[in-house]
Structure formats: structure tokens, C-alpha cells
Amino acid sequence: NGGQGQVIDVALHEAVFNVMESLVPEYS
């Protein structure tokens, strides 16, 4: 796409949370 460089911000807890399936939707 001819884009420039960029910053990738990864938080440890978010990487874990991203694989927690329906944990929060079930609570919601």
C-alpha cells in the first residue's frame, strides 16, 4: 500500500485476553 513504518503496541494482558473466547460476552 506504499505506507510508512508504524508502531505496533502489544500488551501482555491483551494478548492473553484476545484468546479468552466468550469469557466477556457471556458476562455481558
mmCIF file of all heavy atoms, coordinates in Angstrom:
data_MODEL
# 
_entry.id   MODEL 
# 
loop_
_atom_site.group_PDB 
_atom_site.id 
_atom_site.type_symbol 
_atom_site.label_atom_id 
_atom_site.label_alt_id 
_atom_site.label_comp_id 
_atom_site.label_asym_id 
_atom_site.label_entity_id 
_atom_site.label_seq_id 
_atom_site.pdbx_PDB_ins_code 
_atom_site.Cartn_x 
_atom_site.Cartn_y 
_atom_site.Cartn_z 
_atom_site.occupancy 
_atom_site.B_iso_or_equiv 
_atom_site.pdbx_formal_charge 
_atom_site.auth_seq_id 
_atom_site.auth_comp_id 
_atom_site.auth_asym_id 
_atom_site.auth_atom_id 
_atom_site.pdbx_PDB_model_num 
ATOM 1   N N   . ASN A 1 1  ? 0.803   -1.222  0.000  1.00 0.00 ? 1  ASN A N   1 
ATOM 2   C CA  . ASN A 1 1  ? 0.000   0.000   0.000  1.00 0.00 ? 1  ASN A CA  1 
ATOM 3   C C   . ASN A 1 1  ? 0.838   1.275   0.000  1.00 0.00 ? 1  ASN A C   1 
ATOM 4   O O   . ASN A 1 1  ? 0.287   2.382   0.036  1.00 0.00 ? 1  ASN A O   1 
ATOM 5   C CB  . ASN A 1 1  ? -0.937  0.016   1.209  1.00 0.00 ? 1  ASN A CB  1 
ATOM 6   C CG  . ASN A 1 1  ? -1.886  -1.162  1.196  1.00 0.00 ? 1  ASN A CG  1 
ATOM 7   O OD1 . ASN A 1 1  ? -2.388  -1.553  0.142  1.00 0.00 ? 1  ASN A OD1 1 
ATOM 8   N ND2 . ASN A 1 1  ? -2.144  -1.743  2.361  1.00 0.00 ? 1  ASN A ND2 1 
ATOM 9   N N   . GLY A 1 2  ? 2.156   1.107   -0.013 1.00 0.00 ? 2  GLY A N   1 
ATOM 10  C CA  . GLY A 1 2  ? 3.015   2.278   -0.030 1.00 0.00 ? 2  GLY A CA  1 
ATOM 11  C C   . GLY A 1 2  ? 3.016   3.050   1.263  1.00 0.00 ? 2  GLY A C   1 
ATOM 12  O O   . GLY A 1 2  ? 3.339   4.240   1.311  1.00 0.00 ? 2  GLY A O   1 
ATOM 13  N N   . GLY A 1 3  ? 2.652   2.374   2.339  1.00 0.00 ? 3  GLY A N   1 
ATOM 14  C CA  . GLY A 1 3  ? 2.597   3.037   3.631  1.00 0.00 ? 3  GLY A CA  1 
ATOM 15  C C   . GLY A 1 3  ? 3.973   3.220   4.244  1.00 0.00 ? 3  GLY A C   1 
ATOM 16  O O   . GLY A 1 3  ? 4.969   2.640   3.803  1.00 0.00 ? 3  GLY A O   1 
ATOM 17  N N   . GLN A 1 4  ? 4.021   4.033   5.272  1.00 0.00 ? 4  GLN A N   1 
ATOM 18  C CA  . GLN A 1 4  ? 5.248   4.237   6.020  1.00 0.00 ? 4  GLN A CA  1 
ATOM 19  C C   . GLN A 1 4  ? 5.345   3.198   7.136  1.00 0.00 ? 4  GLN A C   1 
ATOM 20  O O   . GLN A 1 4  ? 4.463   2.363   7.322  1.00 0.00 ? 4  GLN A O   1 
ATOM 21  C CB  . GLN A 1 4  ? 5.271   5.643   6.604  1.00 0.00 ? 4  GLN A CB  1 
ATOM 22  C CG  . GLN A 1 4  ? 5.297   6.739   5.551  1.00 0.00 ? 4  GLN A CG  1 
ATOM 23  C CD  . GLN A 1 4  ? 6.578   6.736   4.733  1.00 0.00 ? 4  GLN A CD  1 
ATOM 24  O OE1 . GLN A 1 4  ? 7.672   6.878   5.269  1.00 0.00 ? 4  GLN A OE1 1 
ATOM 25  N NE2 . GLN A 1 4  ? 6.448   6.580   3.423  1.00 0.00 ? 4  GLN A NE2 1 
ATOM 26  N N   . GLY A 1 5  ? 6.414   3.271   7.882  1.00 0.00 ? 5  GLY A N   1 
ATOM 27  C CA  . GLY A 1 5  ? 6.535   2.427   9.056  1.00 0.00 ? 5  GLY A CA  1 
ATOM 28  C C   . GLY A 1 5  ? 5.521   2.840   10.110 1.00 0.00 ? 5  GLY A C   1 
ATOM 29  O O   . GLY A 1 5  ? 4.889   3.895   10.015 1.00 0.00 ? 5  GLY A O   1 
ATOM 30  N N   . GLN A 1 6  ? 5.373   2.017   11.130 1.00 0.00 ? 6  GLN A N   1 
ATOM 31  C CA  . GLN A 1 6  ? 4.422   2.335   12.189 1.00 0.00 ? 6  GLN A CA  1 
ATOM 32  C C   . GLN A 1 6  ? 4.820   1.611   13.468 1.00 0.00 ? 6  GLN A C   1 
ATOM 33  O O   . GLN A 1 6  ? 5.719   0.766   13.469 1.00 0.00 ? 6  GLN A O   1 
ATOM 34  C CB  . GLN A 1 6  ? 3.005   1.964   11.783 1.00 0.00 ? 6  GLN A CB  1 
ATOM 35  C CG  . GLN A 1 6  ? 2.804   0.510   11.405 1.00 0.00 ? 6  GLN A CG  1 
ATOM 36  C CD  . GLN A 1 6  ? 1.389   0.239   10.914 1.00 0.00 ? 6  GLN A CD  1 
ATOM 37  O OE1 . GLN A 1 6  ? 0.438   0.428   11.660 1.00 0.00 ? 6  GLN A OE1 1 
ATOM 38  N NE2 . GLN A 1 6  ? 1.264   -0.212  9.660  1.00 0.00 ? 6  GLN A NE2 1 
ATOM 39  N N   . VAL A 1 7  ? 4.126   1.944   14.547 1.00 0.00 ? 7  VAL A N   1 
ATOM 40  C CA  . VAL A 1 7  ? 4.383   1.340   15.847 1.00 0.00 ? 7  VAL A CA  1 
ATOM 41  C C   . VAL A 1 7  ? 3.331   0.280   16.127 1.00 0.00 ? 7  VAL A C   1 
ATOM 42  O O   . VAL A 1 7  ? 2.130   0.502   15.934 1.00 0.00 ? 7  VAL A O   1 
ATOM 43  C CB  . VAL A 1 7  ? 4.360   2.403   16.967 1.00 0.00 ? 7  VAL A CB  1 
ATOM 44  C CG1 . VAL A 1 7  ? 4.560   1.737   18.335 1.00 0.00 ? 7  VAL A CG1 1 
ATOM 45  C CG2 . VAL A 1 7  ? 5.434   3.454   16.721 1.00 0.00 ? 7  VAL A CG2 1 
ATOM 46  N N   . ILE A 1 8  ? 3.765   -0.877  16.584 1.00 0.00 ? 8  ILE A N   1 
ATOM 47  C CA  . ILE A 1 8  ? 2.871   -1.969  16.989 1.00 0.00 ? 8  ILE A CA  1 
ATOM 48  C C   . ILE A 1 8  ? 2.958   -2.068  18.498 1.00 0.00 ? 8  ILE A C   1 
ATOM 49  O O   . ILE A 1 8  ? 4.026   -2.327  19.055 1.00 0.00 ? 8  ILE A O   1 
ATOM 50  C CB  . ILE A 1 8  ? 3.292   -3.297  16.335 1.00 0.00 ? 8  ILE A CB  1 
ATOM 51  C CG1 . ILE A 1 8  ? 3.273   -3.161  14.815 1.00 0.00 ? 8  ILE A CG1 1 
ATOM 52  C CG2 . ILE A 1 8  ? 2.400   -4.435  16.796 1.00 0.00 ? 8  ILE A CG2 1 
ATOM 53  C CD1 . ILE A 1 8  ? 4.165   -4.151  14.120 1.00 0.00 ? 8  ILE A CD1 1 
ATOM 54  N N   . ASP A 1 9  ? 1.851   -1.862  19.158 1.00 0.00 ? 9  ASP A N   1 
ATOM 55  C CA  . ASP A 1 9  ? 1.779   -1.817  20.621 1.00 0.00 ? 9  ASP A CA  1 
ATOM 56  C C   . ASP A 1 9  ? 1.087   -3.091  21.114 1.00 0.00 ? 9  ASP A C   1 
ATOM 57  O O   . ASP A 1 9  ? -0.116  -3.251  20.937 1.00 0.00 ? 9  ASP A O   1 
ATOM 58  C CB  . ASP A 1 9  ? 1.003   -0.563  21.043 1.00 0.00 ? 9  ASP A CB  1 
ATOM 59  C CG  . ASP A 1 9  ? 0.886   -0.382  22.553 1.00 0.00 ? 9  ASP A CG  1 
ATOM 60  O OD1 . ASP A 1 9  ? 1.430   -1.229  23.301 1.00 0.00 ? 9  ASP A OD1 1 
ATOM 61  O OD2 . ASP A 1 9  ? 0.243   0.600   22.975 1.00 0.00 ? 9  ASP A OD2 1 
ATOM 62  N N   . VAL A 1 10 ? 1.846   -3.985  21.717 1.00 0.00 ? 10 VAL A N   1 
ATOM 63  C CA  . VAL A 1 10 ? 1.303   -5.246  22.232 1.00 0.00 ? 10 VAL A CA  1 
ATOM 64  C C   . VAL A 1 10 ? 1.447   -5.263  23.746 1.00 0.00 ? 10 VAL A C   1 
ATOM 65  O O   . VAL A 1 10 ? 2.553   -5.128  24.275 1.00 0.00 ? 10 VAL A O   1 
ATOM 66  C CB  . VAL A 1 10 ? 2.023   -6.470  21.631 1.00 0.00 ? 10 VAL A CB  1 
ATOM 67  C CG1 . VAL A 1 10 ? 1.506   -7.761  22.269 1.00 0.00 ? 10 VAL A CG1 1 
ATOM 68  C CG2 . VAL A 1 10 ? 1.820   -6.519  20.113 1.00 0.00 ? 10 VAL A CG2 1 
ATOM 69  N N   . ALA A 1 11 ? 0.327   -5.431  24.453 1.00 0.00 ? 11 ALA A N   1 
ATOM 70  C CA  . ALA A 1 11 ? 0.337   -5.587  25.905 1.00 0.00 ? 11 ALA A CA  1 
ATOM 71  C C   . ALA A 1 11 ? 0.173   -7.057  26.240 1.00 0.00 ? 11 ALA A C   1 
ATOM 72  O O   . ALA A 1 11 ? -0.637  -7.762  25.625 1.00 0.00 ? 11 ALA A O   1 
ATOM 73  C CB  . ALA A 1 11 ? -0.795  -4.774  26.536 1.00 0.00 ? 11 ALA A CB  1 
ATOM 74  N N   . LEU A 1 12 ? 0.918   -7.523  27.216 1.00 0.00 ? 12 LEU A N   1 
ATOM 75  C CA  . LEU A 1 12 ? 0.856   -8.935  27.582 1.00 0.00 ? 12 LEU A CA  1 
ATOM 76  C C   . LEU A 1 12 ? -0.562  -9.360  27.940 1.00 0.00 ? 12 LEU A C   1 
ATOM 77  O O   . LEU A 1 12 ? -1.057  -10.394 27.472 1.00 0.00 ? 12 LEU A O   1 
ATOM 78  C CB  . LEU A 1 12 ? 1.796   -9.212  28.757 1.00 0.00 ? 12 LEU A CB  1 
ATOM 79  C CG  . LEU A 1 12 ? 3.296   -9.157  28.476 1.00 0.00 ? 12 LEU A CG  1 
ATOM 80  C CD1 . LEU A 1 12 ? 4.077   -9.218  29.790 1.00 0.00 ? 12 LEU A CD1 1 
ATOM 81  C CD2 . LEU A 1 12 ? 3.726   -10.293 27.569 1.00 0.00 ? 12 LEU A CD2 1 
ATOM 82  N N   . HIS A 1 13 ? -1.233  -8.572  28.769 1.00 0.00 ? 13 HIS A N   1 
ATOM 83  C CA  . HIS A 1 13 ? -2.575  -8.987  29.214 1.00 0.00 ? 13 HIS A CA  1 
ATOM 84  C C   . HIS A 1 13 ? -3.567  -8.983  28.056 1.00 0.00 ? 13 HIS A C   1 
ATOM 85  O O   . HIS A 1 13 ? -4.495  -9.795  28.025 1.00 0.00 ? 13 HIS A O   1 
ATOM 86  C CB  . HIS A 1 13 ? -3.059  -8.099  30.359 1.00 0.00 ? 13 HIS A CB  1 
ATOM 87  C CG  . HIS A 1 13 ? -3.522  -6.735  29.954 1.00 0.00 ? 13 HIS A CG  1 
ATOM 88  N ND1 . HIS A 1 13 ? -2.646  -5.716  29.674 1.00 0.00 ? 13 HIS A ND1 1 
ATOM 89  C CD2 . HIS A 1 13 ? -4.766  -6.230  29.769 1.00 0.00 ? 13 HIS A CD2 1 
ATOM 90  C CE1 . HIS A 1 13 ? -3.328  -4.638  29.352 1.00 0.00 ? 13 HIS A CE1 1 
ATOM 91  N NE2 . HIS A 1 13 ? -4.621  -4.922  29.397 1.00 0.00 ? 13 HIS A NE2 1 
ATOM 92  N N   . GLU A 1 14 ? -3.380  -8.088  27.089 1.00 0.00 ? 14 GLU A N   1 
ATOM 93  C CA  . GLU A 1 14 ? -4.299  -8.049  25.954 1.00 0.00 ? 14 GLU A CA  1 
ATOM 94  C C   . GLU A 1 14 ? -4.110  -9.244  25.031 1.00 0.00 ? 14 GLU A C   1 
ATOM 95  O O   . GLU A 1 14 ? -5.076  -9.754  24.448 1.00 0.00 ? 14 GLU A O   1 
ATOM 96  C CB  . GLU A 1 14 ? -4.116  -6.737  25.187 1.00 0.00 ? 14 GLU A CB  1 
ATOM 97  C CG  . GLU A 1 14 ? -4.612  -5.528  25.965 1.00 0.00 ? 14 GLU A CG  1 
ATOM 98  C CD  . GLU A 1 14 ? -4.260  -4.207  25.328 1.00 0.00 ? 14 GLU A CD  1 
ATOM 99  O OE1 . GLU A 1 14 ? -3.492  -4.190  24.338 1.00 0.00 ? 14 GLU A OE1 1 
ATOM 100 O OE2 . GLU A 1 14 ? -4.745  -3.166  25.825 1.00 0.00 ? 14 GLU A OE2 1 
ATOM 101 N N   . ALA A 1 15 ? -2.856  -9.692  24.887 1.00 0.00 ? 15 ALA A N   1 
ATOM 102 C CA  . ALA A 1 15 ? -2.604  -10.880 24.074 1.00 0.00 ? 15 ALA A CA  1 
ATOM 103 C C   . ALA A 1 15 ? -3.278  -12.098 24.685 1.00 0.00 ? 15 ALA A C   1 
ATOM 104 O O   . ALA A 1 15 ? -3.816  -12.957 23.972 1.00 0.00 ? 15 ALA A O   1 
ATOM 105 C CB  . ALA A 1 15 ? -1.098  -11.107 23.936 1.00 0.00 ? 15 ALA A CB  1 
ATOM 106 N N   . VAL A 1 16 ? -3.256  -12.180 26.015 1.00 0.00 ? 16 VAL A N   1 
ATOM 107 C CA  . VAL A 1 16 ? -3.956  -13.279 26.702 1.00 0.00 ? 16 VAL A CA  1 
ATOM 108 C C   . VAL A 1 16 ? -5.464  -13.119 26.554 1.00 0.00 ? 16 VAL A C   1 
ATOM 109 O O   . VAL A 1 16 ? -6.183  -14.066 26.204 1.00 0.00 ? 16 VAL A O   1 
ATOM 110 C CB  . VAL A 1 16 ? -3.552  -13.332 28.189 1.00 0.00 ? 16 VAL A CB  1 
ATOM 111 C CG1 . VAL A 1 16 ? -4.387  -14.363 28.938 1.00 0.00 ? 16 VAL A CG1 1 
ATOM 112 C CG2 . VAL A 1 16 ? -2.063  -13.643 28.326 1.00 0.00 ? 16 VAL A CG2 1 
ATOM 113 N N   . PHE A 1 17 ? -5.944  -11.924 26.803 1.00 0.00 ? 17 PHE A N   1 
ATOM 114 C CA  . PHE A 1 17 ? -7.387  -11.664 26.727 1.00 0.00 ? 17 PHE A CA  1 
ATOM 115 C C   . PHE A 1 17 ? -7.957  -11.977 25.343 1.00 0.00 ? 17 PHE A C   1 
ATOM 116 O O   . PHE A 1 17 ? -9.093  -12.420 25.200 1.00 0.00 ? 17 PHE A O   1 
ATOM 117 C CB  . PHE A 1 17 ? -7.647  -10.205 27.103 1.00 0.00 ? 17 PHE A CB  1 
ATOM 118 C CG  . PHE A 1 17 ? -9.080  -9.791  27.018 1.00 0.00 ? 17 PHE A CG  1 
ATOM 119 C CD1 . PHE A 1 17 ? -10.056 -10.408 27.790 1.00 0.00 ? 17 PHE A CD1 1 
ATOM 120 C CD2 . PHE A 1 17 ? -9.472  -8.774  26.152 1.00 0.00 ? 17 PHE A CD2 1 
ATOM 121 C CE1 . PHE A 1 17 ? -11.389 -10.021 27.707 1.00 0.00 ? 17 PHE A CE1 1 
ATOM 122 C CE2 . PHE A 1 17 ? -10.802 -8.382  26.065 1.00 0.00 ? 17 PHE A CE2 1 
ATOM 123 C CZ  . PHE A 1 17 ? -11.760 -9.010  26.842 1.00 0.00 ? 17 PHE A CZ  1 
ATOM 124 N N   . ASN A 1 18 ? -7.137  -11.771 24.317 1.00 0.00 ? 18 ASN A N   1 
ATOM 125 C CA  . ASN A 1 18 ? -7.599  -11.983 22.938 1.00 0.00 ? 18 ASN A CA  1 
ATOM 126 C C   . ASN A 1 18 ? -7.935  -13.440 22.642 1.00 0.00 ? 18 ASN A C   1 
ATOM 127 O O   . ASN A 1 18 ? -8.625  -13.722 21.660 1.00 0.00 ? 18 ASN A O   1 
ATOM 128 C CB  . ASN A 1 18 ? -6.544  -11.486 21.945 1.00 0.00 ? 18 ASN A CB  1 
ATOM 129 C CG  . ASN A 1 18 ? -7.087  -11.340 20.545 1.00 0.00 ? 18 ASN A CG  1 
ATOM 130 O OD1 . ASN A 1 18 ? -8.223  -10.924 20.348 1.00 0.00 ? 18 ASN A OD1 1 
ATOM 131 N ND2 . ASN A 1 18 ? -6.287  -11.687 19.549 1.00 0.00 ? 18 ASN A ND2 1 
ATOM 132 N N   . VAL A 1 19 ? -7.461  -14.369 23.460 1.00 0.00 ? 19 VAL A N   1 
ATOM 133 C CA  . VAL A 1 19 ? -7.753  -15.786 23.220 1.00 0.00 ? 19 VAL A CA  1 
ATOM 134 C C   . VAL A 1 19 ? -8.701  -16.350 24.282 1.00 0.00 ? 19 VAL A C   1 
ATOM 135 O O   . VAL A 1 19 ? -8.818  -17.572 24.436 1.00 0.00 ? 19 VAL A O   1 
ATOM 136 C CB  . VAL A 1 19 ? -6.460  -16.629 23.160 1.00 0.00 ? 19 VAL A CB  1 
ATOM 137 C CG1 . VAL A 1 19 ? -5.568  -16.158 22.028 1.00 0.00 ? 19 VAL A CG1 1 
ATOM 138 C CG2 . VAL A 1 19 ? -5.698  -16.594 24.481 1.00 0.00 ? 19 VAL A CG2 1 
ATOM 139 N N   . MET A 1 20 ? -9.398  -15.475 24.982 1.00 0.00 ? 20 MET A N   1 
ATOM 140 C CA  . MET A 1 20 ? -10.275 -15.924 26.064 1.00 0.00 ? 20 MET A CA  1 
ATOM 141 C C   . MET A 1 20 ? -11.695 -16.242 25.606 1.00 0.00 ? 20 MET A C   1 
ATOM 142 O O   . MET A 1 20 ? -12.637 -16.270 26.409 1.00 0.00 ? 20 MET A O   1 
ATOM 143 C CB  . MET A 1 20 ? -10.295 -14.892 27.193 1.00 0.00 ? 20 MET A CB  1 
ATOM 144 C CG  . MET A 1 20 ? -8.946  -14.728 27.895 1.00 0.00 ? 20 MET A CG  1 
ATOM 145 S SD  . MET A 1 20 ? -8.239  -16.288 28.447 1.00 0.00 ? 20 MET A SD  1 
ATOM 146 C CE  . MET A 1 20 ? -9.395  -16.729 29.710 1.00 0.00 ? 20 MET A CE  1 
ATOM 147 N N   . GLU A 1 21 ? -11.850 -16.433 24.310 1.00 0.00 ? 21 GLU A N   1 
ATOM 148 C CA  . GLU A 1 21 ? -13.108 -16.950 23.754 1.00 0.00 ? 21 GLU A CA  1 
ATOM 149 C C   . GLU A 1 21 ? -14.308 -16.105 24.181 1.00 0.00 ? 21 GLU A C   1 
ATOM 150 O O   . GLU A 1 21 ? -14.300 -14.888 24.018 1.00 0.00 ? 21 GLU A O   1 
ATOM 151 C CB  . GLU A 1 21 ? -13.256 -18.429 24.132 1.00 0.00 ? 21 GLU A CB  1 
ATOM 152 C CG  . GLU A 1 21 ? -12.092 -19.281 23.643 1.00 0.00 ? 21 GLU A CG  1 
ATOM 153 C CD  . GLU A 1 21 ? -12.127 -20.708 24.145 1.00 0.00 ? 21 GLU A CD  1 
ATOM 154 O OE1 . GLU A 1 21 ? -12.964 -21.037 24.999 1.00 0.00 ? 21 GLU A OE1 1 
ATOM 155 O OE2 . GLU A 1 21 ? -11.290 -21.507 23.682 1.00 0.00 ? 21 GLU A OE2 1 
ATOM 156 N N   . SER A 1 22 ? -15.326 -16.710 24.757 1.00 0.00 ? 22 SER A N   1 
ATOM 157 C CA  . SER A 1 22 ? -16.575 -15.982 25.065 1.00 0.00 ? 22 SER A CA  1 
ATOM 158 C C   . SER A 1 22 ? -16.634 -15.523 26.514 1.00 0.00 ? 22 SER A C   1 
ATOM 159 O O   . SER A 1 22 ? -17.723 -15.274 27.051 1.00 0.00 ? 22 SER A O   1 
ATOM 160 C CB  . SER A 1 22 ? -17.778 -16.876 24.763 1.00 0.00 ? 22 SER A CB  1 
ATOM 161 O OG  . SER A 1 22 ? -17.720 -18.082 25.524 1.00 0.00 ? 22 SER A OG  1 
ATOM 162 N N   . LEU A 1 23 ? -15.493 -15.391 27.155 1.00 0.00 ? 23 LEU A N   1 
ATOM 163 C CA  . LEU A 1 23 ? -15.456 -15.046 28.578 1.00 0.00 ? 23 LEU A CA  1 
ATOM 164 C C   . LEU A 1 23 ? -16.266 -13.778 28.883 1.00 0.00 ? 23 LEU A C   1 
ATOM 165 O O   . LEU A 1 23 ? -17.158 -13.785 29.740 1.00 0.00 ? 23 LEU A O   1 
ATOM 166 C CB  . LEU A 1 23 ? -14.002 -14.859 29.012 1.00 0.00 ? 23 LEU A CB  1 
ATOM 167 C CG  . LEU A 1 23 ? -13.747 -14.643 30.500 1.00 0.00 ? 23 LEU A CG  1 
ATOM 168 C CD1 . LEU A 1 23 ? -13.973 -15.927 31.268 1.00 0.00 ? 23 LEU A CD1 1 
ATOM 169 C CD2 . LEU A 1 23 ? -12.329 -14.111 30.727 1.00 0.00 ? 23 LEU A CD2 1 
ATOM 170 N N   . VAL A 1 24 ? -15.967 -12.687 28.220 1.00 0.00 ? 24 VAL A N   1 
ATOM 171 C CA  . VAL A 1 24 ? -16.648 -11.429 28.480 1.00 0.00 ? 24 VAL A CA  1 
ATOM 172 C C   . VAL A 1 24 ? -18.037 -11.366 27.845 1.00 0.00 ? 24 VAL A C   1 
ATOM 173 O O   . VAL A 1 24 ? -18.984 -10.870 28.479 1.00 0.00 ? 24 VAL A O   1 
ATOM 174 C CB  . VAL A 1 24 ? -15.771 -10.234 28.049 1.00 0.00 ? 24 VAL A CB  1 
ATOM 175 C CG1 . VAL A 1 24 ? -16.584 -8.946  27.957 1.00 0.00 ? 24 VAL A CG1 1 
ATOM 176 C CG2 . VAL A 1 24 ? -14.624 -10.053 29.044 1.00 0.00 ? 24 VAL A CG2 1 
ATOM 177 N N   . PRO A 1 25 ? -18.227 -11.854 26.602 1.00 0.00 ? 25 PRO A N   1 
ATOM 178 C CA  . PRO A 1 25 ? -19.601 -11.859 26.073 1.00 0.00 ? 25 PRO A CA  1 
ATOM 179 C C   . PRO A 1 25 ? -20.591 -12.608 26.957 1.00 0.00 ? 25 PRO A C   1 
ATOM 180 O O   . PRO A 1 25 ? -21.750 -12.190 27.097 1.00 0.00 ? 25 PRO A O   1 
ATOM 181 C CB  . PRO A 1 25 ? -19.441 -12.541 24.710 1.00 0.00 ? 25 PRO A CB  1 
ATOM 182 C CG  . PRO A 1 25 ? -18.052 -12.202 24.293 1.00 0.00 ? 25 PRO A CG  1 
ATOM 183 C CD  . PRO A 1 25 ? -17.257 -12.218 25.559 1.00 0.00 ? 25 PRO A CD  1 
ATOM 184 N N   . GLU A 1 26 ? -20.158 -13.700 27.585 1.00 0.00 ? 26 GLU A N   1 
ATOM 185 C CA  . GLU A 1 26 ? -21.049 -14.436 28.487 1.00 0.00 ? 26 GLU A CA  1 
ATOM 186 C C   . GLU A 1 26 ? -21.394 -13.592 29.720 1.00 0.00 ? 26 GLU A C   1 
ATOM 187 O O   . GLU A 1 26 ? -22.537 -13.607 30.192 1.00 0.00 ? 26 GLU A O   1 
ATOM 188 C CB  . GLU A 1 26 ? -20.399 -15.754 28.910 1.00 0.00 ? 26 GLU A CB  1 
ATOM 189 C CG  . GLU A 1 26 ? -20.341 -16.782 27.790 1.00 0.00 ? 26 GLU A CG  1 
ATOM 190 C CD  . GLU A 1 26 ? -19.489 -17.993 28.134 1.00 0.00 ? 26 GLU A CD  1 
ATOM 191 O OE1 . GLU A 1 26 ? -18.933 -18.024 29.256 1.00 0.00 ? 26 GLU A OE1 1 
ATOM 192 O OE2 . GLU A 1 26 ? -19.369 -18.890 27.290 1.00 0.00 ? 26 GLU A OE2 1 
ATOM 193 N N   . TYR A 1 27 ? -20.415 -12.846 30.200 1.00 0.00 ? 27 TYR A N   1 
ATOM 194 C CA  . TYR A 1 27 ? -20.691 -11.976 31.342 1.00 0.00 ? 27 TYR A CA  1 
ATOM 195 C C   . TYR A 1 27 ? -21.610 -10.828 30.934 1.00 0.00 ? 27 TYR A C   1 
ATOM 196 O O   . TYR A 1 27 ? -22.555 -10.469 31.659 1.00 0.00 ? 27 TYR A O   1 
ATOM 197 C CB  . TYR A 1 27 ? -19.390 -11.419 31.907 1.00 0.00 ? 27 TYR A CB  1 
ATOM 198 C CG  . TYR A 1 27 ? -19.604 -10.430 33.025 1.00 0.00 ? 27 TYR A CG  1 
ATOM 199 C CD1 . TYR A 1 27 ? -20.022 -10.853 34.281 1.00 0.00 ? 27 TYR A CD1 1 
ATOM 200 C CD2 . TYR A 1 27 ? -19.403 -9.064  32.813 1.00 0.00 ? 27 TYR A CD2 1 
ATOM 201 C CE1 . TYR A 1 27 ? -20.240 -9.939  35.307 1.00 0.00 ? 27 TYR A CE1 1 
ATOM 202 C CE2 . TYR A 1 27 ? -19.619 -8.148  33.821 1.00 0.00 ? 27 TYR A CE2 1 
ATOM 203 C CZ  . TYR A 1 27 ? -20.040 -8.590  35.073 1.00 0.00 ? 27 TYR A CZ  1 
ATOM 204 O OH  . TYR A 1 27 ? -20.266 -7.684  36.071 1.00 0.00 ? 27 TYR A OH  1 
ATOM 205 N N   . SER A 1 28 ? -21.347 -10.280 29.735 1.00 0.00 ? 28 SER A N   1 
ATOM 206 C CA  . SER A 1 28 ? -22.167 -9.160  29.266 1.00 0.00 ? 28 SER A CA  1 
ATOM 207 C C   . SER A 1 28 ? -23.621 -9.571  29.023 1.00 0.00 ? 28 SER A C   1 
ATOM 208 O O   . SER A 1 28 ? -24.551 -8.863  29.390 1.00 0.00 ? 28 SER A O   1 
ATOM 209 C CB  . SER A 1 28 ? -21.568 -8.590  27.978 1.00 0.00 ? 28 SER A CB  1 
ATOM 210 O OG  . SER A 1 28 ? -22.361 -7.548  27.459 1.00 0.00 ? 28 SER A OG  1 
# 
